[in-house]
Amino acid sequence: MADENFELNELDGTSPPDAVSGDQSEGMNVSTEIGNLPRSARELEAVYDIPVKVSAVLGKSTMQVSQLLKLGQGAVIELDRKVGEAIDIYVNNRLVARGEVVVVEDRLGVTMTEIIKTERATS
């Protein structure tokens, strides 16, 4: 477990000022996959493996429980969106983009057409 502890400067390919001393001409090259990324990408390297929940919402509908219980196979639920209207894309229940439904071979996919920028609340 101790091997999992690291400092942020290890992620961006830089060393602390006092960590490297002496002659560097002996081929001391710390270039790694992380070191070859632009600085902004290297700063995010620590979060690349964190799973997130991505949802593409085609539309919404409201109904009473009694109506819901009457639904069966083949039932049609009317949504609040029109055909061809952009769908909402959420990451961890937060709206981040809008897009269009596409078909890739025999699967459905989503093409992002607009990134939603939200102002961060300061606390």
Protein backbone atom coordinates (compact mmCIF):
# COMPACT_ATOMS: atom_id res chain seq x y z
CA MET A 1 0.00 0.00 0.00
CA ALA A 2 2.90 2.39 0.67
CA ASP A 3 3.75 2.27 -3.05
CA GLU A 4 0.43 3.97 -3.86
CA ASN A 5 1.43 7.17 -2.05
CA PHE A 6 2.88 9.78 -4.38
CA GLU A 7 3.23 13.52 -4.66
CA LEU A 8 1.56 15.58 -7.37
CA ASN A 9 4.91 16.54 -8.87
CA GLU A 10 5.42 12.86 -9.74
CA LEU A 11 2.39 13.03 -12.03
CA ASP A 12 3.50 15.94 -14.18
CA GLY A 13 6.97 14.60 -14.87
CA THR A 14 8.80 17.27 -12.88
CA SER A 15 11.09 16.66 -9.94
CA PRO A 16 11.34 18.67 -6.75
CA PRO A 17 14.18 21.21 -7.01
CA ASP A 18 16.44 19.34 -4.56
CA ALA A 19 15.73 15.83 -5.91
CA VAL A 20 18.19 15.95 -8.82
CA SER A 21 21.80 16.75 -8.10
CA GLY A 22 25.13 16.14 -9.76
CA ASP A 23 25.94 15.63 -13.41
CA GLN A 24 22.86 14.88 -15.54
CA SER A 25 24.92 13.96 -18.61
CA GLU A 26 24.89 10.27 -17.66
CA GLY A 27 21.65 9.70 -19.59
CA MET A 28 19.31 10.46 -16.68
CA ASN A 29 16.08 10.79 -18.65
CA VAL A 30 12.80 10.56 -16.74
CA SER A 31 10.66 10.88 -19.86
CA THR A 32 7.61 8.65 -19.49
CA GLU A 33 4.24 8.43 -21.14
CA ILE A 34 3.04 11.06 -18.68
CA GLY A 35 6.02 13.31 -19.41
CA ASN A 36 5.16 13.37 -23.12
CA LEU A 37 1.65 14.75 -22.53
CA PRO A 38 0.90 18.49 -22.57
CA ARG A 39 1.02 19.96 -19.06
CA SER A 40 -2.80 20.28 -18.77
CA ALA A 41 -3.23 16.59 -19.64
CA ARG A 42 -0.45 15.54 -17.25
CA GLU A 43 -2.20 17.38 -14.42
CA LEU A 44 -5.29 15.21 -14.99
CA GLU A 45 -3.39 11.91 -15.15
CA ALA A 46 -4.31 11.09 -11.52
CA VAL A 47 -8.03 10.99 -12.33
CA TYR A 48 -7.95 9.08 -15.64
CA ASP A 49 -8.92 5.75 -14.02
CA ILE A 50 -11.80 7.08 -11.89
CA PRO A 51 -15.10 5.65 -13.17
CA VAL A 52 -17.94 8.07 -13.92
CA LYS A 53 -21.58 7.46 -14.79
CA VAL A 54 -22.54 8.79 -18.23
CA SER A 55 -26.22 9.08 -19.18
CA ALA A 56 -27.80 10.17 -22.45
CA VAL A 57 -31.39 11.26 -21.79
CA LEU A 58 -33.72 11.04 -24.78
CA GLY A 59 -36.55 12.74 -22.93
CA LYS A 60 -38.69 12.71 -19.81
CA SER A 61 -42.28 11.99 -18.92
CA THR A 62 -44.43 12.28 -15.82
CA MET A 63 -47.22 9.86 -14.98
CA GLN A 64 -49.15 8.53 -12.02
CA VAL A 65 -48.21 5.21 -10.45
CA SER A 66 -51.54 3.75 -11.59
CA GLN A 67 -50.64 4.61 -15.21
CA LEU A 68 -47.17 3.14 -14.77
CA LEU A 69 -48.61 -0.15 -13.48
CA LYS A 70 -50.84 -0.43 -16.57
CA LEU A 71 -47.86 -0.30 -18.95
CA GLY A 72 -46.94 -3.50 -20.70
CA GLN A 73 -44.74 -4.69 -23.52
CA GLY A 74 -45.22 -2.50 -26.58
CA ALA A 75 -46.60 0.45 -24.62
CA VAL A 76 -45.59 3.89 -25.90
CA ILE A 77 -44.56 6.62 -23.48
CA GLU A 78 -44.70 10.14 -24.86
CA LEU A 79 -41.56 12.11 -24.04
CA ASP A 80 -41.07 15.86 -23.71
CA ARG A 81 -38.76 16.01 -26.77
CA LYS A 82 -39.44 16.12 -30.48
CA VAL A 83 -37.81 13.87 -33.08
CA GLY A 84 -34.43 15.33 -34.04
CA GLU A 85 -34.19 17.54 -30.95
CA ALA A 86 -30.88 17.45 -29.07
CA ILE A 87 -30.58 15.00 -26.18
CA ASP A 88 -28.98 15.80 -22.81
CA ILE A 89 -25.72 14.13 -21.77
CA TYR A 90 -25.05 13.86 -18.05
CA VAL A 91 -21.87 12.85 -16.24
CA ASN A 92 -22.49 11.84 -12.60
CA ASN A 93 -25.97 13.41 -12.83
CA ARG A 94 -24.58 16.76 -14.00
CA LEU A 95 -25.54 18.16 -17.41
CA VAL A 96 -22.31 18.52 -19.41
CA ALA A 97 -23.33 18.40 -23.08
CA ARG A 98 -26.06 18.03 -25.68
CA GLY A 99 -25.92 15.74 -28.67
CA GLU A 100 -27.60 13.67 -31.34
CA VAL A 101 -28.38 9.97 -31.48
CA VAL A 102 -26.38 8.09 -34.13
CA VAL A 103 -26.29 4.48 -35.28
CA VAL A 104 -22.89 2.78 -35.41
CA GLU A 105 -23.20 -0.63 -37.07
CA ASP A 106 -25.96 -2.23 -34.97
CA ARG A 107 -25.57 -0.05 -31.86
CA LEU A 108 -26.85 3.33 -30.76
CA GLY A 109 -24.38 6.08 -29.94
CA VAL A 110 -24.32 9.78 -29.20
CA THR A 111 -22.45 12.54 -30.99
CA MET A 112 -21.79 15.56 -28.80
CA THR A 113 -22.82 18.75 -30.55
CA GLU A 114 -22.60 21.24 -27.68
CA ILE A 115 -20.61 21.38 -24.45
CA ILE A 116 -22.49 22.97 -21.56
CA LYS A 117 -20.34 25.28 -19.47
CA THR A 118 -21.66 25.95 -15.99
CA GLU A 119 -20.39 28.49 -13.54
CA ARG A 120 -18.83 26.95 -10.46
CA ALA A 121 -20.33 27.96 -7.15
CA THR A 122 -17.72 29.43 -4.85
CA SER A 123 -17.87 28.34 -1.24
